All heavy atoms as atom14 arrays in JSON, in Angstrom:
{
  "sequence": "SFTLDCPLFKKRLEIKEKETIIHADNAFAPVGYLKFKKVELCEKK",
  "atom14_mask": [
    [1, 1, 1, 1, 1, 1, 0, 0, 0, 0, 0, 0, 0, 0],
    [1, 1, 1, 1, 1, 1, 1, 1, 1, 1, 1, 0, 0, 0],
    [1, 1, 1, 1, 1, 1, 1, 0, 0, 0, 0, 0, 0, 0],
    [1, 1, 1, 1, 1, 1, 1, 1, 0, 0, 0, 0, 0, 0],
    [1, 1, 1, 1, 1, 1, 1, 1, 0, 0, 0, 0, 0, 0],
    [1, 1, 1, 1, 1, 1, 0, 0, 0, 0, 0, 0, 0, 0],
    [1, 1, 1, 1, 1, 1, 1, 0, 0, 0, 0, 0, 0, 0],
    [1, 1, 1, 1, 1, 1, 1, 1, 0, 0, 0, 0, 0, 0],
    [1, 1, 1, 1, 1, 1, 1, 1, 1, 1, 1, 0, 0, 0],
    [1, 1, 1, 1, 1, 1, 1, 1, 1, 0, 0, 0, 0, 0],
    [1, 1, 1, 1, 1, 1, 1, 1, 1, 0, 0, 0, 0, 0],
    [1, 1, 1, 1, 1, 1, 1, 1, 1, 1, 1, 0, 0, 0],
    [1, 1, 1, 1, 1, 1, 1, 1, 0, 0, 0, 0, 0, 0],
    [1, 1, 1, 1, 1, 1, 1, 1, 1, 0, 0, 0, 0, 0],
    [1, 1, 1, 1, 1, 1, 1, 1, 0, 0, 0, 0, 0, 0],
    [1, 1, 1, 1, 1, 1, 1, 1, 1, 0, 0, 0, 0, 0],
    [1, 1, 1, 1, 1, 1, 1, 1, 1, 0, 0, 0, 0, 0],
    [1, 1, 1, 1, 1, 1, 1, 1, 1, 0, 0, 0, 0, 0],
    [1, 1, 1, 1, 1, 1, 1, 1, 1, 0, 0, 0, 0, 0],
    [1, 1, 1, 1, 1, 1, 1, 0, 0, 0, 0, 0, 0, 0],
    [1, 1, 1, 1, 1, 1, 1, 1, 0, 0, 0, 0, 0, 0],
    [1, 1, 1, 1, 1, 1, 1, 1, 0, 0, 0, 0, 0, 0],
    [1, 1, 1, 1, 1, 1, 1, 1, 1, 1, 0, 0, 0, 0],
    [1, 1, 1, 1, 1, 0, 0, 0, 0, 0, 0, 0, 0, 0],
    [1, 1, 1, 1, 1, 1, 1, 1, 0, 0, 0, 0, 0, 0],
    [1, 1, 1, 1, 1, 1, 1, 1, 0, 0, 0, 0, 0, 0],
    [1, 1, 1, 1, 1, 0, 0, 0, 0, 0, 0, 0, 0, 0],
    [1, 1, 1, 1, 1, 1, 1, 1, 1, 1, 1, 0, 0, 0],
    [1, 1, 1, 1, 1, 0, 0, 0, 0, 0, 0, 0, 0, 0],
    [1, 1, 1, 1, 1, 1, 1, 0, 0, 0, 0, 0, 0, 0],
    [1, 1, 1, 1, 1, 1, 1, 0, 0, 0, 0, 0, 0, 0],
    [1, 1, 1, 1, 0, 0, 0, 0, 0, 0, 0, 0, 0, 0],
    [1, 1, 1, 1, 1, 1, 1, 1, 1, 1, 1, 1, 0, 0],
    [1, 1, 1, 1, 1, 1, 1, 1, 0, 0, 0, 0, 0, 0],
    [1, 1, 1, 1, 1, 1, 1, 1, 1, 0, 0, 0, 0, 0],
    [1, 1, 1, 1, 1, 1, 1, 1, 1, 1, 1, 0, 0, 0],
    [1, 1, 1, 1, 1, 1, 1, 1, 1, 0, 0, 0, 0, 0],
    [1, 1, 1, 1, 1, 1, 1, 1, 1, 0, 0, 0, 0, 0],
    [1, 1, 1, 1, 1, 1, 1, 0, 0, 0, 0, 0, 0, 0],
    [1, 1, 1, 1, 1, 1, 1, 1, 1, 0, 0, 0, 0, 0],
    [1, 1, 1, 1, 1, 1, 1, 1, 0, 0, 0, 0, 0, 0],
    [1, 1, 1, 1, 1, 1, 0, 0, 0, 0, 0, 0, 0, 0],
    [1, 1, 1, 1, 1, 1, 1, 1, 1, 0, 0, 0, 0, 0],
    [1, 1, 1, 1, 1, 1, 1, 1, 1, 0, 0, 0, 0, 0],
    [1, 1, 1, 1, 1, 1, 1, 1, 1, 0, 0, 0, 0, 0]
  ],
  "atom14_positions": [
    [[51.69, 28.49, 66.85], [52.1, 29.85, 67.17], [52.5, 29.96, 68.64], [52.23, 29.07, 69.45], [50.96, 30.82, 66.86], [49.82, 30.5, 67.64], [0.0, 0.0, 0.0], [0.0, 0.0, 0.0], [0.0, 0.0, 0.0], [0.0, 0.0, 0.0], [0.0, 0.0, 0.0], [0.0, 0.0, 0.0], [0.0, 0.0, 0.0], [0.0, 0.0, 0.0]],
    [[53.12, 31.09, 68.96], [53.48, 31.37, 70.35], [53.18, 32.83, 70.62], [53.63, 33.72, 69.89], [54.95, 31.07, 70.6], [55.31, 31.12, 72.07], [55.12, 30.01, 72.87], [55.81, 32.28, 72.64], [55.42, 30.04, 74.22], [56.12, 32.32, 73.99], [55.93, 31.2, 74.79], [0.0, 0.0, 0.0], [0.0, 0.0, 0.0], [0.0, 0.0, 0.0]],
    [[52.42, 33.09, 71.69], [52.0, 34.44, 72.03], [53.05, 35.14, 72.88], [53.43, 34.64, 73.94], [50.66, 34.42, 72.79], [49.68, 33.77, 71.97], [50.19, 35.82, 73.11], [0.0, 0.0, 0.0], [0.0, 0.0, 0.0], [0.0, 0.0, 0.0], [0.0, 0.0, 0.0], [0.0, 0.0, 0.0], [0.0, 0.0, 0.0], [0.0, 0.0, 0.0]],
    [[53.5, 36.29, 72.41], [54.49, 37.09, 73.13], [53.84, 38.21, 73.93], [54.43, 38.7, 74.9], [55.5, 37.68, 72.14], [56.32, 36.65, 71.34], [57.19, 37.36, 70.3], [57.18, 35.8, 72.26], [0.0, 0.0, 0.0], [0.0, 0.0, 0.0], [0.0, 0.0, 0.0], [0.0, 0.0, 0.0], [0.0, 0.0, 0.0], [0.0, 0.0, 0.0]],
    [[52.65, 38.6, 73.53], [51.96, 39.67, 74.26], [50.47, 39.62, 73.93], [50.07, 39.19, 72.84], [52.52, 41.04, 73.86], [52.1, 42.15, 74.82], [51.53, 41.84, 75.89], [52.33, 43.33, 74.49], [0.0, 0.0, 0.0], [0.0, 0.0, 0.0], [0.0, 0.0, 0.0], [0.0, 0.0, 0.0], [0.0, 0.0, 0.0], [0.0, 0.0, 0.0]],
    [[49.66, 40.04, 74.88], [48.23, 40.19, 74.67], [47.71, 41.13, 75.75], [48.42, 41.41, 76.72], [47.51, 38.83, 74.7], [47.02, 38.25, 76.32], [0.0, 0.0, 0.0], [0.0, 0.0, 0.0], [0.0, 0.0, 0.0], [0.0, 0.0, 0.0], [0.0, 0.0, 0.0], [0.0, 0.0, 0.0], [0.0, 0.0, 0.0], [0.0, 0.0, 0.0]],
    [[46.49, 41.67, 75.61], [45.98, 42.65, 76.58], [45.91, 42.14, 78.02], [45.86, 42.95, 78.94], [44.57, 42.95, 76.03], [44.7, 42.75, 74.56], [45.62, 41.58, 74.42], [0.0, 0.0, 0.0], [0.0, 0.0, 0.0], [0.0, 0.0, 0.0], [0.0, 0.0, 0.0], [0.0, 0.0, 0.0], [0.0, 0.0, 0.0], [0.0, 0.0, 0.0]],
    [[45.93, 40.83, 78.24], [45.87, 40.31, 79.6], [47.25, 40.24, 80.26], [47.34, 40.03, 81.47], [45.26, 38.9, 79.6], [43.83, 38.77, 79.09], [43.35, 37.32, 79.2], [42.88, 39.69, 79.85], [0.0, 0.0, 0.0], [0.0, 0.0, 0.0], [0.0, 0.0, 0.0], [0.0, 0.0, 0.0], [0.0, 0.0, 0.0], [0.0, 0.0, 0.0]],
    [[48.31, 40.42, 79.47], [49.67, 40.36, 80.02], [50.05, 41.68, 80.65], [49.84, 42.75, 80.06], [50.68, 40.03, 78.92], [50.64, 38.61, 78.42], [49.64, 37.73, 78.8], [51.6, 38.15, 77.54], [49.6, 36.43, 78.33], [51.58, 36.86, 77.06], [50.58, 35.99, 77.46], [0.0, 0.0, 0.0], [0.0, 0.0, 0.0], [0.0, 0.0, 0.0]],
    [[50.66, 41.64, 81.83], [51.19, 42.84, 82.47], [52.59, 43.15, 81.95], [53.05, 44.29, 82.03], [51.22, 42.64, 83.99], [49.84, 42.41, 84.59], [49.93, 42.08, 86.07], [48.54, 41.8, 86.65], [48.61, 41.41, 88.08], [0.0, 0.0, 0.0], [0.0, 0.0, 0.0], [0.0, 0.0, 0.0], [0.0, 0.0, 0.0], [0.0, 0.0, 0.0]],
    [[53.26, 42.13, 81.45], [54.56, 42.28, 80.81], [54.55, 41.48, 79.52], [53.73, 40.58, 79.35], [55.69, 41.78, 81.72], [55.89, 42.6, 82.98], [57.07, 42.09, 83.78], [57.31, 42.93, 85.03], [58.48, 42.45, 85.8], [0.0, 0.0, 0.0], [0.0, 0.0, 0.0], [0.0, 0.0, 0.0], [0.0, 0.0, 0.0], [0.0, 0.0, 0.0]],
    [[55.44, 41.81, 78.6], [55.51, 41.09, 77.33], [56.76, 40.2, 77.31], [57.73, 40.46, 78.04], [55.55, 42.08, 76.16], [56.76, 43.01, 76.16], [56.71, 44.02, 75.04], [57.81, 44.97, 75.14], [59.04, 44.75, 74.67], [59.31, 43.61, 74.04], [59.99, 45.64, 74.81], [0.0, 0.0, 0.0], [0.0, 0.0, 0.0], [0.0, 0.0, 0.0]],
    [[56.7, 39.15, 76.5], [57.84, 38.26, 76.34], [58.67, 38.72, 75.16], [58.12, 39.15, 74.13], [57.38, 36.81, 76.11], [56.93, 36.01, 77.34], [55.61, 36.54, 77.89], [56.79, 34.54, 76.99], [0.0, 0.0, 0.0], [0.0, 0.0, 0.0], [0.0, 0.0, 0.0], [0.0, 0.0, 0.0], [0.0, 0.0, 0.0], [0.0, 0.0, 0.0]],
    [[59.97, 38.62, 75.29], [60.87, 39.01, 74.2], [61.9, 37.9, 74.0], [62.58, 37.48, 74.95], [61.57, 40.32, 74.53], [62.38, 40.88, 73.36], [62.89, 42.29, 73.63], [62.04, 43.19, 73.84], [64.12, 42.47, 73.65], [0.0, 0.0, 0.0], [0.0, 0.0, 0.0], [0.0, 0.0, 0.0], [0.0, 0.0, 0.0], [0.0, 0.0, 0.0]],
    [[61.99, 37.43, 72.76], [62.92, 36.35, 72.43], [64.31, 36.96, 72.21], [64.49, 37.8, 71.34], [62.48, 35.59, 71.18], [61.07, 35.03, 71.36], [63.46, 34.46, 70.86], [60.44, 34.51, 70.1], [0.0, 0.0, 0.0], [0.0, 0.0, 0.0], [0.0, 0.0, 0.0], [0.0, 0.0, 0.0], [0.0, 0.0, 0.0], [0.0, 0.0, 0.0]],
    [[65.26, 36.51, 73.01], [66.63, 37.02, 72.9], [67.51, 36.1, 72.05], [68.37, 36.57, 71.32], [67.24, 37.16, 74.3], [66.51, 38.16, 75.2], [66.62, 39.57, 74.67], [66.0, 40.57, 75.64], [66.11, 41.96, 75.15], [0.0, 0.0, 0.0], [0.0, 0.0, 0.0], [0.0, 0.0, 0.0], [0.0, 0.0, 0.0], [0.0, 0.0, 0.0]],
    [[67.29, 34.79, 72.2], [68.06, 33.82, 71.42], [67.15, 32.67, 71.01], [66.35, 32.2, 71.81], [69.24, 33.26, 72.25], [70.27, 34.29, 72.65], [71.36, 33.69, 73.54], [71.6, 32.47, 73.42], [71.93, 34.43, 74.35], [0.0, 0.0, 0.0], [0.0, 0.0, 0.0], [0.0, 0.0, 0.0], [0.0, 0.0, 0.0], [0.0, 0.0, 0.0]],
    [[67.3, 32.23, 69.76], [66.48, 31.11, 69.27], [67.26, 30.34, 68.23], [68.26, 30.81, 67.69], [65.17, 31.63, 68.67], [65.33, 32.54, 67.47], [63.97, 33.04, 66.99], [64.08, 33.87, 65.72], [64.86, 35.09, 65.88], [0.0, 0.0, 0.0], [0.0, 0.0, 0.0], [0.0, 0.0, 0.0], [0.0, 0.0, 0.0], [0.0, 0.0, 0.0]],
    [[66.77, 29.15, 67.93], [67.42, 28.27, 66.95], [66.34, 27.63, 66.08], [65.29, 27.25, 66.58], [68.23, 27.19, 67.67], [68.9, 26.2, 66.76], [69.59, 25.07, 67.53], [69.5, 25.05, 68.77], [70.19, 24.2, 66.87], [0.0, 0.0, 0.0], [0.0, 0.0, 0.0], [0.0, 0.0, 0.0], [0.0, 0.0, 0.0], [0.0, 0.0, 0.0]],
    [[66.6, 27.54, 64.79], [65.68, 26.87, 63.88], [66.05, 25.39, 63.78], [67.19, 25.05, 63.46], [65.71, 27.5, 62.48], [65.29, 28.86, 62.56], [64.79, 26.75, 61.52], [0.0, 0.0, 0.0], [0.0, 0.0, 0.0], [0.0, 0.0, 0.0], [0.0, 0.0, 0.0], [0.0, 0.0, 0.0], [0.0, 0.0, 0.0], [0.0, 0.0, 0.0]],
    [[65.09, 24.53, 64.07], [65.31, 23.08, 64.0], [64.5, 22.52, 62.83], [63.29, 22.75, 62.76], [64.85, 22.38, 65.3], [65.52, 23.01, 66.53], [65.12, 20.88, 65.22], [67.0, 22.79, 66.61], [0.0, 0.0, 0.0], [0.0, 0.0, 0.0], [0.0, 0.0, 0.0], [0.0, 0.0, 0.0], [0.0, 0.0, 0.0], [0.0, 0.0, 0.0]],
    [[65.15, 21.82, 61.93], [64.44, 21.13, 60.84], [64.18, 19.7, 61.3], [65.1, 18.89, 61.41], [65.27, 21.15, 59.53], [65.59, 22.59, 59.12], [64.49, 20.43, 58.42], [64.39, 23.47, 58.88], [0.0, 0.0, 0.0], [0.0, 0.0, 0.0], [0.0, 0.0, 0.0], [0.0, 0.0, 0.0], [0.0, 0.0, 0.0], [0.0, 0.0, 0.0]],
    [[62.91, 19.42, 61.57], [62.53, 18.12, 62.1], [62.38, 17.08, 60.99], [62.7, 15.91, 61.18], [61.21, 18.26, 62.86], [60.74, 16.99, 63.5], [61.41, 16.39, 64.55], [59.67, 16.18, 63.22], [60.77, 15.28, 64.9], [59.72, 15.14, 64.11], [0.0, 0.0, 0.0], [0.0, 0.0, 0.0], [0.0, 0.0, 0.0], [0.0, 0.0, 0.0]],
    [[61.89, 17.51, 59.84], [61.72, 16.62, 58.69], [61.98, 17.43, 57.42], [61.22, 18.33, 57.09], [60.33, 16.01, 58.67], [0.0, 0.0, 0.0], [0.0, 0.0, 0.0], [0.0, 0.0, 0.0], [0.0, 0.0, 0.0], [0.0, 0.0, 0.0], [0.0, 0.0, 0.0], [0.0, 0.0, 0.0], [0.0, 0.0, 0.0], [0.0, 0.0, 0.0]],
    [[63.07, 17.09, 56.73], [63.46, 17.86, 55.54], [62.78, 17.3, 54.3], [63.41, 16.8, 53.37], [64.98, 17.82, 55.38], [65.48, 18.86, 54.4], [64.68, 19.73, 54.01], [66.67, 18.81, 54.01], [0.0, 0.0, 0.0], [0.0, 0.0, 0.0], [0.0, 0.0, 0.0], [0.0, 0.0, 0.0], [0.0, 0.0, 0.0], [0.0, 0.0, 0.0]],
    [[61.45, 17.4, 54.3], [60.64, 16.91, 53.18], [60.65, 17.94, 52.06], [60.47, 19.13, 52.3], [59.21, 16.65, 53.67], [58.34, 16.02, 52.61], [58.02, 16.64, 51.61], [57.94, 14.77, 52.84], [0.0, 0.0, 0.0], [0.0, 0.0, 0.0], [0.0, 0.0, 0.0], [0.0, 0.0, 0.0], [0.0, 0.0, 0.0], [0.0, 0.0, 0.0]],
    [[60.83, 17.49, 50.84], [60.94, 18.41, 49.71], [59.65, 19.19, 49.47], [59.68, 20.32, 49.0], [61.31, 17.64, 48.45], [0.0, 0.0, 0.0], [0.0, 0.0, 0.0], [0.0, 0.0, 0.0], [0.0, 0.0, 0.0], [0.0, 0.0, 0.0], [0.0, 0.0, 0.0], [0.0, 0.0, 0.0], [0.0, 0.0, 0.0], [0.0, 0.0, 0.0]],
    [[58.5, 18.6, 49.81], [57.21, 19.25, 49.55], [56.64, 19.96, 50.78], [56.06, 21.03, 50.66], [56.2, 18.23, 49.03], [56.58, 17.62, 47.71], [57.14, 16.35, 47.67], [56.42, 18.32, 46.52], [57.52, 15.79, 46.45], [56.78, 17.77, 45.31], [57.34, 16.49, 45.27], [0.0, 0.0, 0.0], [0.0, 0.0, 0.0], [0.0, 0.0, 0.0]],
    [[56.81, 19.36, 51.94], [56.25, 19.95, 53.16], [57.22, 19.76, 54.32], [56.99, 18.93, 55.2], [54.9, 19.33, 53.47], [0.0, 0.0, 0.0], [0.0, 0.0, 0.0], [0.0, 0.0, 0.0], [0.0, 0.0, 0.0], [0.0, 0.0, 0.0], [0.0, 0.0, 0.0], [0.0, 0.0, 0.0], [0.0, 0.0, 0.0], [0.0, 0.0, 0.0]],
    [[58.32, 20.51, 54.33], [59.29, 20.37, 55.41], [58.7, 20.78, 56.76], [57.87, 21.67, 56.84], [60.43, 21.32, 55.0], [59.78, 22.31, 54.09], [58.7, 21.55, 53.37], [0.0, 0.0, 0.0], [0.0, 0.0, 0.0], [0.0, 0.0, 0.0], [0.0, 0.0, 0.0], [0.0, 0.0, 0.0], [0.0, 0.0, 0.0], [0.0, 0.0, 0.0]],
    [[59.12, 20.09, 57.82], [58.67, 20.4, 59.16], [59.82, 21.06, 59.93], [60.9, 20.5, 60.04], [58.22, 19.13, 59.92], [57.79, 19.47, 61.34], [57.1, 18.44, 59.16], [0.0, 0.0, 0.0], [0.0, 0.0, 0.0], [0.0, 0.0, 0.0], [0.0, 0.0, 0.0], [0.0, 0.0, 0.0], [0.0, 0.0, 0.0], [0.0, 0.0, 0.0]],
    [[59.58, 22.27, 60.41], [60.6, 22.99, 61.16], [59.98, 23.76, 62.29], [58.79, 24.11, 62.26], [0.0, 0.0, 0.0], [0.0, 0.0, 0.0], [0.0, 0.0, 0.0], [0.0, 0.0, 0.0], [0.0, 0.0, 0.0], [0.0, 0.0, 0.0], [0.0, 0.0, 0.0], [0.0, 0.0, 0.0], [0.0, 0.0, 0.0], [0.0, 0.0, 0.0]],
    [[60.77, 24.02, 63.33], [60.25, 24.79, 64.46], [61.36, 25.62, 65.09], [62.56, 25.39, 64.85], [59.6, 23.88, 65.5], [60.52, 22.87, 66.16], [61.2, 23.18, 67.34], [60.7, 21.6, 65.62], [62.03, 22.27, 67.96], [61.52, 20.67, 66.23], [62.19, 21.01, 67.4], [63.02, 20.1, 68.0], [0.0, 0.0, 0.0], [0.0, 0.0, 0.0]],
    [[60.94, 26.6, 65.88], [61.88, 27.44, 66.61], [62.05, 26.9, 68.02], [61.08, 26.61, 68.71], [61.37, 28.88, 66.7], [61.27, 29.68, 65.39], [60.75, 31.09, 65.69], [62.61, 29.75, 64.68], [0.0, 0.0, 0.0], [0.0, 0.0, 0.0], [0.0, 0.0, 0.0], [0.0, 0.0, 0.0], [0.0, 0.0, 0.0], [0.0, 0.0, 0.0]],
    [[63.3, 26.75, 68.43], [63.61, 26.38, 69.82], [64.13, 27.63, 70.51], [65.1, 28.24, 70.07], [64.64, 25.27, 69.87], [64.96, 24.83, 71.3], [65.86, 23.63, 71.32], [66.18, 23.21, 72.76], [64.98, 22.84, 73.52], [0.0, 0.0, 0.0], [0.0, 0.0, 0.0], [0.0, 0.0, 0.0], [0.0, 0.0, 0.0], [0.0, 0.0, 0.0]],
    [[63.46, 28.02, 71.59], [63.88, 29.2, 72.33], [65.08, 28.89, 73.21], [65.05, 27.95, 74.0], [62.73, 29.72, 73.21], [61.51, 30.14, 72.43], [60.24, 29.96, 72.97], [61.63, 30.7, 71.18], [59.11, 30.34, 72.26], [60.5, 31.09, 70.46], [59.25, 30.91, 71.0], [0.0, 0.0, 0.0], [0.0, 0.0, 0.0], [0.0, 0.0, 0.0]],
    [[66.12, 29.67, 73.06], [67.32, 29.53, 73.89], [67.27, 30.5, 75.07], [67.75, 30.19, 76.16], [68.57, 29.81, 73.05], [68.81, 28.81, 71.92], [69.2, 27.46, 72.47], [69.66, 26.52, 71.35], [70.07, 25.21, 71.87], [0.0, 0.0, 0.0], [0.0, 0.0, 0.0], [0.0, 0.0, 0.0], [0.0, 0.0, 0.0], [0.0, 0.0, 0.0]],
    [[66.69, 31.68, 74.82], [66.6, 32.67, 75.89], [65.41, 33.58, 75.63], [65.32, 34.21, 74.58], [67.9, 33.5, 75.96], [67.93, 34.5, 77.11], [69.26, 35.25, 77.13], [69.31, 36.25, 78.27], [70.59, 37.03, 78.26], [0.0, 0.0, 0.0], [0.0, 0.0, 0.0], [0.0, 0.0, 0.0], [0.0, 0.0, 0.0], [0.0, 0.0, 0.0]],
    [[64.49, 33.63, 76.58], [63.31, 34.49, 76.5], [63.2, 35.27, 77.8], [63.37, 34.7, 78.88], [62.02, 33.69, 76.26], [60.83, 34.62, 76.1], [62.16, 32.79, 75.03], [0.0, 0.0, 0.0], [0.0, 0.0, 0.0], [0.0, 0.0, 0.0], [0.0, 0.0, 0.0], [0.0, 0.0, 0.0], [0.0, 0.0, 0.0], [0.0, 0.0, 0.0]],
    [[62.94, 36.56, 77.7], [62.85, 37.39, 78.89], [61.54, 38.16, 78.92], [60.91, 38.39, 77.89], [64.01, 38.4, 78.91], [65.38, 37.77, 79.04], [66.5, 38.8, 79.04], [66.21, 40.01, 78.84], [67.66, 38.42, 79.25], [0.0, 0.0, 0.0], [0.0, 0.0, 0.0], [0.0, 0.0, 0.0], [0.0, 0.0, 0.0], [0.0, 0.0, 0.0]],
    [[61.14, 38.54, 80.13], [59.99, 39.42, 80.31], [60.46, 40.87, 80.26], [61.49, 41.22, 80.85], [59.3, 39.16, 81.65], [58.44, 37.9, 81.75], [57.92, 37.74, 83.16], [57.28, 37.94, 80.76], [0.0, 0.0, 0.0], [0.0, 0.0, 0.0], [0.0, 0.0, 0.0], [0.0, 0.0, 0.0], [0.0, 0.0, 0.0], [0.0, 0.0, 0.0]],
    [[59.71, 41.7, 79.55], [60.05, 43.11, 79.42], [58.84, 43.97, 79.75], [57.7, 43.5, 79.63], [60.53, 43.42, 77.99], [61.97, 42.46, 77.47], [0.0, 0.0, 0.0], [0.0, 0.0, 0.0], [0.0, 0.0, 0.0], [0.0, 0.0, 0.0], [0.0, 0.0, 0.0], [0.0, 0.0, 0.0], [0.0, 0.0, 0.0], [0.0, 0.0, 0.0]],
    [[59.1, 45.18, 80.14], [58.01, 46.12, 80.4], [57.3, 46.43, 79.09], [57.91, 46.52, 78.04], [58.54, 47.4, 81.03], [59.18, 47.2, 82.39], [58.23, 46.66, 83.43], [57.02, 47.01, 83.37], [58.66, 45.87, 84.29], [0.0, 0.0, 0.0], [0.0, 0.0, 0.0], [0.0, 0.0, 0.0], [0.0, 0.0, 0.0], [0.0, 0.0, 0.0]],
    [[55.99, 46.62, 79.17], [55.23, 46.97, 77.98], [55.43, 48.44, 77.66], [55.54, 49.28, 78.55], [53.73, 46.69, 78.2], [53.41, 45.22, 78.36], [51.93, 45.04, 78.51], [51.43, 44.04, 77.52], [50.01, 43.85, 77.54], [0.0, 0.0, 0.0], [0.0, 0.0, 0.0], [0.0, 0.0, 0.0], [0.0, 0.0, 0.0], [0.0, 0.0, 0.0]],
    [[55.44, 48.75, 76.38], [55.59, 50.14, 75.95], [54.29, 50.88, 76.19], [53.22, 50.35, 75.97], [55.99, 50.18, 74.47], [57.32, 49.53, 74.19], [57.66, 49.57, 72.71], [59.0, 48.87, 72.44], [59.33, 48.86, 71.0], [0.0, 0.0, 0.0], [0.0, 0.0, 0.0], [0.0, 0.0, 0.0], [0.0, 0.0, 0.0], [0.0, 0.0, 0.0]]
  ]
}
């Protein structure tokens, strides 16, 4: 997992651009992950 916000953060992270990468295209248990292309800090609501 990846944490975008928590009570200890003064600002939150926001993903603007991402890409899905398939690392292993296994029929039963495929391995995939998100690659962040652009992430920015934003003011908390």
